C-alpha atoms as a PDB file:
ATOM      1  CA  UNK A   1       0.000   0.000   0.000  1.00  0.00           C
ATOM      2  CA  UNK A   2       1.316   3.438  -0.907  1.00  0.00           C
ATOM      3  CA  UNK A   3       2.312   5.566   2.084  1.00  0.00           C
ATOM      4  CA  UNK A   4       0.676   8.949   2.473  1.00  0.00           C
ATOM      5  CA  UNK A   5       2.921  11.995   2.182  1.00  0.00           C
ATOM      6  CA  UNK A   6       2.254  12.769   5.840  1.00  0.00           C
ATOM      7  CA  UNK A   7       3.657   9.340   6.768  1.00  0.00           C
ATOM      8  CA  UNK A   8       6.680   9.828   4.506  1.00  0.00           C
ATOM      9  CA  UNK A   9       7.362  13.278   5.969  1.00  0.00           C
ATOM     10  CA  UNK A  10       7.322  11.796   9.482  1.00  0.00           C
ATOM     11  CA  UNK A  11       9.643   8.966   8.421  1.00  0.00           C
ATOM     12  CA  UNK A  12      12.049  11.514   6.906  1.00  0.00           C
ATOM     13  CA  UNK A  13      12.404  13.189  10.290  1.00  0.00           C
ATOM     14  CA  UNK A  14      13.025   9.857  12.054  1.00  0.00           C
ATOM     15  CA  UNK A  15      15.328   8.397   9.402  1.00  0.00           C
ATOM     16  CA  UNK A  16      17.606  11.399   8.972  1.00  0.00           C
ATOM     17  CA  UNK A  17      17.287  12.605  12.536  1.00  0.00           C
ATOM     18  CA  UNK A  18      17.897   9.332  14.383  1.00  0.00           C
ATOM     19  CA  UNK A  19      18.877   6.487  12.029  1.00  0.00           C
ATOM     20  CA  UNK A  20      21.028   7.569   9.097  1.00  0.00           C
ATOM     21  CA  UNK A  21      24.021   9.934   9.125  1.00  0.00           C
ATOM     22  CA  UNK A  22      23.580  11.923   5.924  1.00  0.00           C
ATOM     23  CA  UNK A  23      26.723  13.956   6.633  1.00  0.00           C
ATOM     24  CA  UNK A  24      28.996  11.001   5.732  1.00  0.00           C
ATOM     25  CA  UNK A  25      27.016   9.568   2.810  1.00  0.00           C
ATOM     26  CA  UNK A  26      28.949  11.557   0.207  1.00  0.00           C
ATOM     27  CA  UNK A  27      32.348  11.292   1.883  1.00  0.00           C
ATOM     28  CA  UNK A  28      33.267   8.131   3.797  1.00  0.00           C
ATOM     29  CA  UNK A  29      30.274   5.749   3.961  1.00  0.00           C
ATOM     30  CA  UNK A  30      31.208   3.956   0.708  1.00  0.00           C
ATOM     31  CA  UNK A  31      33.243   4.535  -2.441  1.00  0.00           C
ATOM     32  CA  UNK A  32      30.059   5.414  -4.323  1.00  0.00           C
ATOM     33  CA  UNK A  33      29.501   8.509  -2.188  1.00  0.00           C
ATOM     34  CA  UNK A  34      32.637  10.353  -3.348  1.00  0.00           C
ATOM     35  CA  UNK A  35      31.861   9.337  -6.940  1.00  0.00           C
ATOM     36  CA  UNK A  36      28.358  10.805  -6.635  1.00  0.00           C
ATOM     37  CA  UNK A  37      29.764  13.922  -4.988  1.00  0.00           C
ATOM     38  CA  UNK A  38      32.497  14.508  -7.567  1.00  0.00           C
ATOM     39  CA  UNK A  39      30.218  13.926 -10.537  1.00  0.00           C
ATOM     40  CA  UNK A  40      27.390  16.071  -9.129  1.00  0.00           C
ATOM     41  CA  UNK A  41      29.766  18.922  -8.371  1.00  0.00           C
ATOM     42  CA  UNK A  42      31.175  18.641 -11.879  1.00  0.00           C
ATOM     43  CA  UNK A  43      27.687  18.867 -13.404  1.00  0.00           C
ATOM     44  CA  UNK A  44      26.711  21.837 -11.237  1.00  0.00           C
ATOM     45  CA  UNK A  45      29.826  23.785 -12.189  1.00  0.00           C
ATOM     46  CA  UNK A  46      29.364  22.984 -15.885  1.00  0.00           C
ATOM     47  CA  UNK A  47      25.907  24.582 -15.910  1.00  0.00           C
ATOM     48  CA  UNK A  48      26.079  27.157 -13.111  1.00  0.00           C
ATOM     49  CA  UNK A  49      29.289  29.172 -13.584  1.00  0.00           C
ATOM     50  CA  UNK A  50      28.807  31.323 -10.460  1.00  0.00           C
ATOM     51  CA  UNK A  51      26.103  33.258  -8.649  1.00  0.00           C
ATOM     52  CA  UNK A  52      23.493  32.884  -5.942  1.00  0.00           C
ATOM     53  CA  UNK A  53      22.382  29.265  -5.498  1.00  0.00           C
ATOM     54  CA  UNK A  54      19.531  27.811  -3.444  1.00  0.00           C
ATOM     55  CA  UNK A  55      20.223  24.260  -2.241  1.00  0.00           C
ATOM     56  CA  UNK A  56      16.715  22.849  -1.663  1.00  0.00           C
ATOM     57  CA  UNK A  57      16.714  19.775   0.557  1.00  0.00           C
ATOM     58  CA  UNK A  58      20.475  20.208   0.836  1.00  0.00           C
ATOM     59  CA  UNK A  59      20.942  17.912   3.820  1.00  0.00           C
ATOM     60  CA  UNK A  60      23.844  18.744   6.088  1.00  0.00           C
ATOM     61  CA  UNK A  61      25.425  21.022   3.492  1.00  0.00           C
ATOM     62  CA  UNK A  62      28.137  18.888   1.885  1.00  0.00           C
ATOM     63  CA  UNK A  63      27.460  20.238  -1.606  1.00  0.00           C
ATOM     64  CA  UNK A  64      26.812  23.766  -0.313  1.00  0.00           C
ATOM     65  CA  UNK A  65      30.127  23.922   1.559  1.00  0.00           C
ATOM     66  CA  UNK A  66      32.057  22.821  -1.528  1.00  0.00           C
ATOM     67  CA  UNK A  67      30.311  25.383  -3.715  1.00  0.00           C
ATOM     68  CA  UNK A  68      30.893  28.168  -1.189  1.00  0.00           C
ATOM     69  CA  UNK A  69      34.564  27.265  -1.155  1.00  0.00           C
ATOM     70  CA  UNK A  70      34.664  28.016  -4.877  1.00  0.00           C
ATOM     71  CA  UNK A  71      32.979  31.389  -4.573  1.00  0.00           C
ATOM     72  CA  UNK A  72      29.281  30.563  -4.961  1.00  0.00           C
ATOM     73  CA  UNK A  73      26.792  32.385  -2.737  1.00  0.00           C
ATOM     74  CA  UNK A  74      24.735  29.479  -1.348  1.00  0.00           C
ATOM     75  CA  UNK A  75      21.646  29.289   0.833  1.00  0.00           C
ATOM     76  CA  UNK A  76      20.217  25.991   2.040  1.00  0.00           C
ATOM     77  CA  UNK A  77      16.662  25.041   2.964  1.00  0.00           C
ATOM     78  CA  UNK A  78      15.968  21.646   4.453  1.00  0.00           C
ATOM     79  CA  UNK A  79      13.127  19.950   6.393  1.00  0.00           C
ATOM     80  CA  UNK A  80      15.322  18.140   8.960  1.00  0.00           C
ATOM     81  CA  UNK A  81      16.429  20.418  11.841  1.00  0.00           C
ATOM     82  CA  UNK A  82      19.500  18.270  12.547  1.00  0.00           C
ATOM     83  CA  UNK A  83      20.734  18.862   9.004  1.00  0.00           C
ATOM     84  CA  UNK A  84      20.100  22.598   9.222  1.00  0.00           C
ATOM     85  CA  UNK A  85      22.096  22.742  12.451  1.00  0.00           C
ATOM     86  CA  UNK A  86      25.055  20.913  10.888  1.00  0.00           C
ATOM     87  CA  UNK A  87      24.991  23.039   7.749  1.00  0.00           C
ATOM     88  CA  UNK A  88      24.900  26.196   9.855  1.00  0.00           C
ATOM     89  CA  UNK A  89      27.854  24.979  11.923  1.00  0.00           C
ATOM     90  CA  UNK A  90      29.746  24.472   8.637  1.00  0.00           C
ATOM     91  CA  UNK A  91      29.160  28.102   7.695  1.00  0.00           C
ATOM     92  CA  UNK A  92      26.198  27.749   5.342  1.00  0.00           C
ATOM     93  CA  UNK A  93      23.192  30.079   5.578  1.00  0.00           C
ATOM     94  CA  UNK A  94      20.566  27.430   6.344  1.00  0.00           C
ATOM     95  CA  UNK A  95      16.962  27.309   7.489  1.00  0.00           C
ATOM     96  CA  UNK A  96      14.204  24.769   8.046  1.00  0.00           C
ATOM     97  CA  UNK A  97      11.645  24.681   5.239  1.00  0.00           C
ATOM     98  CA  UNK A  98       9.703  22.674   2.663  1.00  0.00           C
ATOM     99  CA  UNK A  99      10.495  22.392  -1.054  1.00  0.00           C
ATOM    100  CA  UNK A 100       6.790  22.768  -1.811  1.00  0.00           C
ATOM    101  CA  UNK A 101       6.520  26.225  -0.218  1.00  0.00           C
ATOM    102  CA  UNK A 102       9.740  28.211  -0.509  1.00  0.00           C
ATOM    103  CA  UNK A 103       9.925  31.428   1.562  1.00  0.00           C
ATOM    104  CA  UNK A 104      11.745  33.455  -1.092  1.00  0.00           C
ATOM    105  CA  UNK A 105      10.777  36.159  -3.580  1.00  0.00           C
ATOM    106  CA  UNK A 106      10.424  35.420  -7.288  1.00  0.00           C
ATOM    107  CA  UNK A 107      13.702  35.436  -9.196  1.00  0.00           C
ATOM    108  CA  UNK A 108      15.867  35.635  -6.069  1.00  0.00           C
ATOM    109  CA  UNK A 109      18.507  33.137  -7.223  1.00  0.00           C
ATOM    110  CA  UNK A 110      20.628  32.356 -10.256  1.00  0.00           C
ATOM    111  CA  UNK A 111      20.142  28.605  -9.791  1.00  0.00           C
ATOM    112  CA  UNK A 112      18.371  26.047  -7.613  1.00  0.00           C
ATOM    113  CA  UNK A 113      19.409  22.522  -6.720  1.00  0.00           C
ATOM    114  CA  UNK A 114      16.851  19.833  -5.848  1.00  0.00           C
ATOM    115  CA  UNK A 115      19.189  16.934  -5.160  1.00  0.00           C
ATOM    116  CA  UNK A 116      16.841  15.185  -2.728  1.00  0.00           C
ATOM    117  CA  UNK A 117      13.244  16.445  -2.576  1.00  0.00           C
ATOM    118  CA  UNK A 118      11.741  14.739  -5.637  1.00  0.00           C
ATOM    119  CA  UNK A 119      12.365  11.163  -4.516  1.00  0.00           C
ATOM    120  CA  UNK A 120      10.833  11.853  -1.127  1.00  0.00           C
ATOM    121  CA  UNK A 121       7.541  13.038  -2.673  1.00  0.00           C
ATOM    122  CA  UNK A 122       5.010  10.342  -3.535  1.00  0.00           C
ATOM    123  CA  UNK A 123       2.605  12.213  -5.800  1.00  0.00           C
ATOM    124  CA  UNK A 124       3.338  13.782  -9.159  1.00  0.00           C
ATOM    125  CA  UNK A 125       1.376  16.811  -7.963  1.00  0.00           C
ATOM    126  CA  UNK A 126       3.764  17.382  -5.044  1.00  0.00           C
ATOM    127  CA  UNK A 127       6.806  16.862  -7.254  1.00  0.00           C
ATOM    128  CA  UNK A 128       5.477  19.384  -9.772  1.00  0.00           C
ATOM    129  CA  UNK A 129       4.804  21.826  -6.949  1.00  0.00           C
ATOM    130  CA  UNK A 130       8.416  21.522  -5.768  1.00  0.00           C
ATOM    131  CA  UNK A 131       9.748  21.970  -9.295  1.00  0.00           C
ATOM    132  CA  UNK A 132       7.536  24.997  -9.924  1.00  0.00           C
ATOM    133  CA  UNK A 133       8.622  26.546  -6.640  1.00  0.00           C
ATOM    134  CA  UNK A 134      12.271  26.076  -7.628  1.00  0.00           C
ATOM    135  CA  UNK A 135      11.583  27.669 -11.013  1.00  0.00           C
ATOM    136  CA  UNK A 136       9.717  30.552  -9.377  1.00  0.00           C
ATOM    137  CA  UNK A 137      12.599  31.596  -7.124  1.00  0.00           C
ATOM    138  CA  UNK A 138      15.190  31.404  -9.941  1.00  0.00           C
ATOM    139  CA  UNK A 139      15.583  34.325 -12.348  1.00  0.00           C
ATOM    140  CA  UNK A 140      14.570  33.881 -16.012  1.00  0.00           C
ATOM    141  CA  UNK A 141      17.429  32.169 -17.797  1.00  0.00           C
ATOM    142  CA  UNK A 142      18.727  30.652 -14.564  1.00  0.00           C
ATOM    143  CA  UNK A 143      19.205  26.957 -13.930  1.00  0.00           C
ATOM    144  CA  UNK A 144      17.340  24.265 -11.998  1.00  0.00           C
ATOM    145  CA  UNK A 145      19.087  20.921 -11.410  1.00  0.00           C
ATOM    146  CA  UNK A 146      16.747  18.225 -10.094  1.00  0.00           C
ATOM    147  CA  UNK A 147      17.660  14.673  -9.084  1.00  0.00           C
ATOM    148  CA  UNK A 148      15.613  11.480  -9.145  1.00  0.00           C
ATOM    149  CA  UNK A 149      16.383   7.989  -7.890  1.00  0.00           C
ATOM    150  CA  UNK A 150      16.488   5.316 -10.585  1.00  0.00           C
ATOM    151  CA  UNK A 151      13.524   2.954 -10.672  1.00  0.00           C
ATOM    152  CA  UNK A 152      15.611   0.243 -12.306  1.00  0.00           C
ATOM    153  CA  UNK A 153      18.326   0.398  -9.674  1.00  0.00           C
ATOM    154  CA  UNK A 154      15.656   0.218  -6.963  1.00  0.00           C
ATOM    155  CA  UNK A 155      14.045  -2.770  -8.680  1.00  0.00           C
ATOM    156  CA  UNK A 156      17.405  -4.492  -8.925  1.00  0.00           C
ATOM    157  CA  UNK A 157      18.118  -3.908  -5.254  1.00  0.00           C
ATOM    158  CA  UNK A 158      14.736  -5.420  -4.360  1.00  0.00           C
ATOM    159  CA  UNK A 159      14.859  -8.455  -6.643  1.00  0.00           C
ATOM    160  CA  UNK A 160      18.365  -9.504  -7.675  1.00  0.00           C
ATOM    161  CA  UNK A 161      20.406 -12.230  -5.952  1.00  0.00           C
ATOM    162  CA  UNK A 162      17.262 -13.914  -4.630  1.00  0.00           C
ATOM    163  CA  UNK A 163      14.769 -16.473  -5.854  1.00  0.00           C
ATOM    164  CA  UNK A 164      12.034 -14.911  -7.949  1.00  0.00           C
ATOM    165  CA  UNK A 165       8.561 -16.020  -6.823  1.00  0.00           C
ATOM    166  CA  UNK A 166       5.753 -16.742  -9.257  1.00  0.00           C
ATOM    167  CA  UNK A 167       3.594 -14.819  -9.596  1.00  0.00           C
ATOM    168  CA  UNK A 168       5.725 -11.697  -9.172  1.00  0.00           C
ATOM    169  CA  UNK A 169       4.762  -9.948  -5.917  1.00  0.00           C
ATOM    170  CA  UNK A 170       2.445  -6.996  -6.398  1.00  0.00           C
ATOM    171  CA  UNK A 171       4.884  -4.595  -4.742  1.00  0.00           C
ATOM    172  CA  UNK A 172       7.609  -5.573  -7.220  1.00  0.00           C
ATOM    173  CA  UNK A 173       5.220  -4.984 -10.111  1.00  0.00           C
ATOM    174  CA  UNK A 174       4.178  -1.606  -8.693  1.00  0.00           C
ATOM    175  CA  UNK A 175       7.817  -0.588  -8.290  1.00  0.00           C
ATOM    176  CA  UNK A 176       8.858  -1.352 -11.852  1.00  0.00           C
ATOM    177  CA  UNK A 177       5.605  -0.166 -13.450  1.00  0.00           C
ATOM    178  CA  UNK A 178       4.874   2.959 -11.431  1.00  0.00           C
ATOM    179  CA  UNK A 179       7.943   3.737  -9.299  1.00  0.00           C
ATOM    180  CA  UNK A 180       6.036   2.998  -6.079  1.00  0.00           C
ATOM    181  CA  UNK A 181       8.333   2.078  -3.148  1.00  0.00           C
ATOM    182  CA  UNK A 182       7.738  -1.195  -1.318  1.00  0.00           C
ATOM    183  CA  UNK A 183       6.278  -1.157   2.159  1.00  0.00           C
ATOM    184  CA  UNK A 184       9.303  -2.800   3.788  1.00  0.00           C
ATOM    185  CA  UNK A 185      11.800  -0.078   2.941  1.00  0.00           C
ATOM    186  CA  UNK A 186      13.504   1.688   5.824  1.00  0.00           C
ATOM    187  CA  UNK A 187      14.522   4.520   3.500  1.00  0.00           C
ATOM    188  CA  UNK A 188      11.639   7.052   3.318  1.00  0.00           C
ATOM    189  CA  UNK A 189      11.267   6.973  -0.450  1.00  0.00           C
ATOM    190  CA  UNK A 190       8.289   8.561  -2.131  1.00  0.00           C
ATOM    191  CA  UNK A 191       8.971   7.712  -5.770  1.00  0.00           C
ATOM    192  CA  UNK A 192      11.509   6.148  -8.122  1.00  0.00           C
ATOM    193  CA  UNK A 193      11.888   7.669 -11.609  1.00  0.00           C
ATOM    194  CA  UNK A 194      12.855   6.584 -15.062  1.00  0.00           C
ATOM    195  CA  UNK A 195      14.943   9.126 -16.942  1.00  0.00           C
ATOM    196  CA  UNK A 196      12.085   9.740 -19.364  1.00  0.00           C
ATOM    197  CA  UNK A 197       9.599  10.327 -16.542  1.00  0.00           C
ATOM    198  CA  UNK A 198      11.958  12.740 -14.803  1.00  0.00           C
ATOM    199  CA  UNK A 199      12.345  14.684 -18.037  1.00  0.00           C
ATOM    200  CA  UNK A 200       8.559  14.798 -18.530  1.00  0.00           C
ATOM    201  CA  UNK A 201       7.909  16.059 -14.999  1.00  0.00           C
ATOM    202  CA  UNK A 202      10.505  18.815 -15.232  1.00  0.00           C
ATOM    203  CA  UNK A 203       9.066  19.911 -18.582  1.00  0.00           C
ATOM    204  CA  UNK A 204       5.527  19.812 -17.139  1.00  0.00           C
ATOM    205  CA  UNK A 205       6.708  22.241 -14.453  1.00  0.00           C
ATOM    206  CA  UNK A 206       7.417  24.773 -17.212  1.00  0.00           C
ATOM    207  CA  UNK A 207      11.194  24.375 -17.435  1.00  0.00           C
ATOM    208  CA  UNK A 208      13.272  23.869 -20.572  1.00  0.00           C
ATOM    209  CA  UNK A 209      15.190  20.616 -20.113  1.00  0.00           C
ATOM    210  CA  UNK A 210      18.689  20.617 -21.556  1.00  0.00           C
ATOM    211  CA  UNK A 211      19.475  17.027 -20.597  1.00  0.00           C
ATOM    212  CA  UNK A 212      18.825  14.196 -18.163  1.00  0.00           C
ATOM    213  CA  UNK A 213      22.016  12.393 -17.189  1.00  0.00           C
ATOM    214  CA  UNK A 214      23.062   9.512 -15.004  1.00  0.00           C
ATOM    215  CA  UNK A 215      25.297  10.623 -12.152  1.00  0.00           C
ATOM    216  CA  UNK A 216      27.316   7.642 -10.855  1.00  0.00           C
ATOM    217  CA  UNK A 217      27.215   5.524 -13.999  1.00  0.00           C
ATOM    218  CA  UNK A 218      27.018   1.724 -14.286  1.00  0.00           C
ATOM    219  CA  UNK A 219      29.941   1.160 -11.888  1.00  0.00           C
ATOM    220  CA  UNK A 220      28.361   3.121  -9.054  1.00  0.00           C
ATOM    221  CA  UNK A 221      26.591   0.159  -7.473  1.00  0.00           C
ATOM    222  CA  UNK A 222      29.818  -1.829  -7.438  1.00  0.00           C
ATOM    223  CA  UNK A 223      31.485   0.989  -5.504  1.00  0.00           C
ATOM    224  CA  UNK A 224      28.575   0.953  -3.052  1.00  0.00           C
ATOM    225  CA  UNK A 225      29.178  -2.672  -2.031  1.00  0.00           C
ATOM    226  CA  UNK A 226      32.911  -3.201  -2.641  1.00  0.00           C
ATOM    227  CA  UNK A 227      35.625  -2.348  -0.123  1.00  0.00           C
ATOM    228  CA  UNK A 228      39.338  -1.687  -0.266  1.00  0.00           C
ATOM    229  CA  UNK A 229      39.213  -0.228  -3.759  1.00  0.00           C
ATOM    230  CA  UNK A 230      42.173   1.719  -5.051  1.00  0.00           C
ATOM    231  CA  UNK A 231      41.980   5.207  -6.478  1.00  0.00           C
ATOM    232  CA  UNK A 232      42.508   3.760  -9.952  1.00  0.00           C
ATOM    233  CA  UNK A 233      39.195   1.889  -9.729  1.00  0.00           C
ATOM    234  CA  UNK A 234      37.398   4.989  -8.480  1.00  0.00           C
ATOM    235  CA  UNK A 235      38.899   7.092 -11.262  1.00  0.00           C
ATOM    236  CA  UNK A 236      37.859   4.473 -13.832  1.00  0.00           C
ATOM    237  CA  UNK A 237      34.304   4.581 -12.464  1.00  0.00           C
ATOM    238  CA  UNK A 238      34.310   8.359 -12.918  1.00  0.00           C
ATOM    239  CA  UNK A 239      35.422   8.017 -16.544  1.00  0.00           C
ATOM    240  CA  UNK A 240      32.666   5.468 -17.160  1.00  0.00           C
ATOM    241  CA  UNK A 241      30.079   7.687 -15.443  1.00  0.00           C
ATOM    242  CA  UNK A 242      30.943  10.559 -17.773  1.00  0.00           C
ATOM    243  CA  UNK A 243      30.937   8.386 -20.883  1.00  0.00           C
ATOM    244  CA  UNK A 244      27.595   6.686 -20.112  1.00  0.00           C
ATOM    245  CA  UNK A 245      25.780   9.624 -18.572  1.00  0.00           C
ATOM    246  CA  UNK A 246      23.482  10.553 -21.461  1.00  0.00           C
ATOM    247  CA  UNK A 247      22.930   7.151 -23.073  1.00  0.00           C
ATOM    248  CA  UNK A 248      19.201   6.212 -22.977  1.00  0.00           C
ATOM    249  CA  UNK A 249      18.652   3.133 -20.831  1.00  0.00           C
ATOM    250  CA  UNK A 250      22.232   3.145 -19.561  1.00  0.00           C
ATOM    251  CA  UNK A 251      21.698   6.395 -17.641  1.00  0.00           C
ATOM    252  CA  UNK A 252      19.011   4.583 -15.633  1.00  0.00           C
ATOM    253  CA  UNK A 253      21.746   2.294 -14.277  1.00  0.00           C
ATOM    254  CA  UNK A 254      22.974   5.217 -12.164  1.00  0.00           C
ATOM    255  CA  UNK A 255      21.426   5.313  -8.713  1.00  0.00           C
ATOM    256  CA  UNK A 256      20.841   9.051  -9.193  1.00  0.00           C
ATOM    257  CA  UNK A 257      19.752  10.805 -12.375  1.00  0.00           C
ATOM    258  CA  UNK A 258      19.944  14.562 -12.799  1.00  0.00           C
ATOM    259  CA  UNK A 259      17.671  16.736 -14.918  1.00  0.00           C
ATOM    260  CA  UNK A 260      19.418  19.904 -16.068  1.00  0.00           C
ATOM    261  CA  UNK A 261      16.911  22.618 -16.955  1.00  0.00           C
ATOM    262  CA  UNK A 262      16.648  26.345 -17.608  1.00  0.00           C
ATOM    263  CA  UNK A 263      13.965  28.763 -16.421  1.00  0.00           C
ATOM    264  CA  UNK A 264      12.225  30.195 -19.444  1.00  0.00           C
ATOM    265  CA  UNK A 265      12.828  33.801 -20.414  1.00  0.00           C
ATOM    266  CA  UNK A 266       9.738  35.909 -19.911  1.00  0.00           C
END
């Protein structure tokens, strides 16, 4: 049964507040984290040369801190108070808030990042609201970069390396057909995307999509589970992530996909 958004929002507070340490996910938790971080930072810099950036759902500020270190003017808004506290301690201007109702004036930023909100929102209506809010607070011609979690990676994690029952469980069918998370997940997921669906949603929000790319590439999952890998393997994974990032079908083998879009000129 699909969780209500109210239930998901409550689970987000528990998961990130008490269970999972988001501050190490991109740094030391696994080799995939640094790959995701490096590739995401590379994509941001390629499309947002400088300026005022709003990091929506920016967690504990890992991306924001790196961008500030390179001269970006970053603000962070995030629903988990623990994350806001950690981001503030790291020197980021951070506040508690919701991606669906941003407390900023129209056109206040040169770019907005939604690297987490979309996959925590169960309904297309809520995801469109978050995307439209991001577009609203970015100036015409500015950039919105929005991430989704891959449906095919989620399906693989749920089904591979185990005996497949017949008939296929209804939750497995709902996951691959509709992107609906299974009821047994500890992670407070709201939705899993295909690259084509992510593109369609961002376009439906009124943004001009330049591309949808895979972030970690096909080797990302290997880095998530392997240990003791040398830098040469990590560098090779980065090369593969770049080479495979825009290939239809292959980009869905990245755990994260990123839509790169521009706010329309008025």
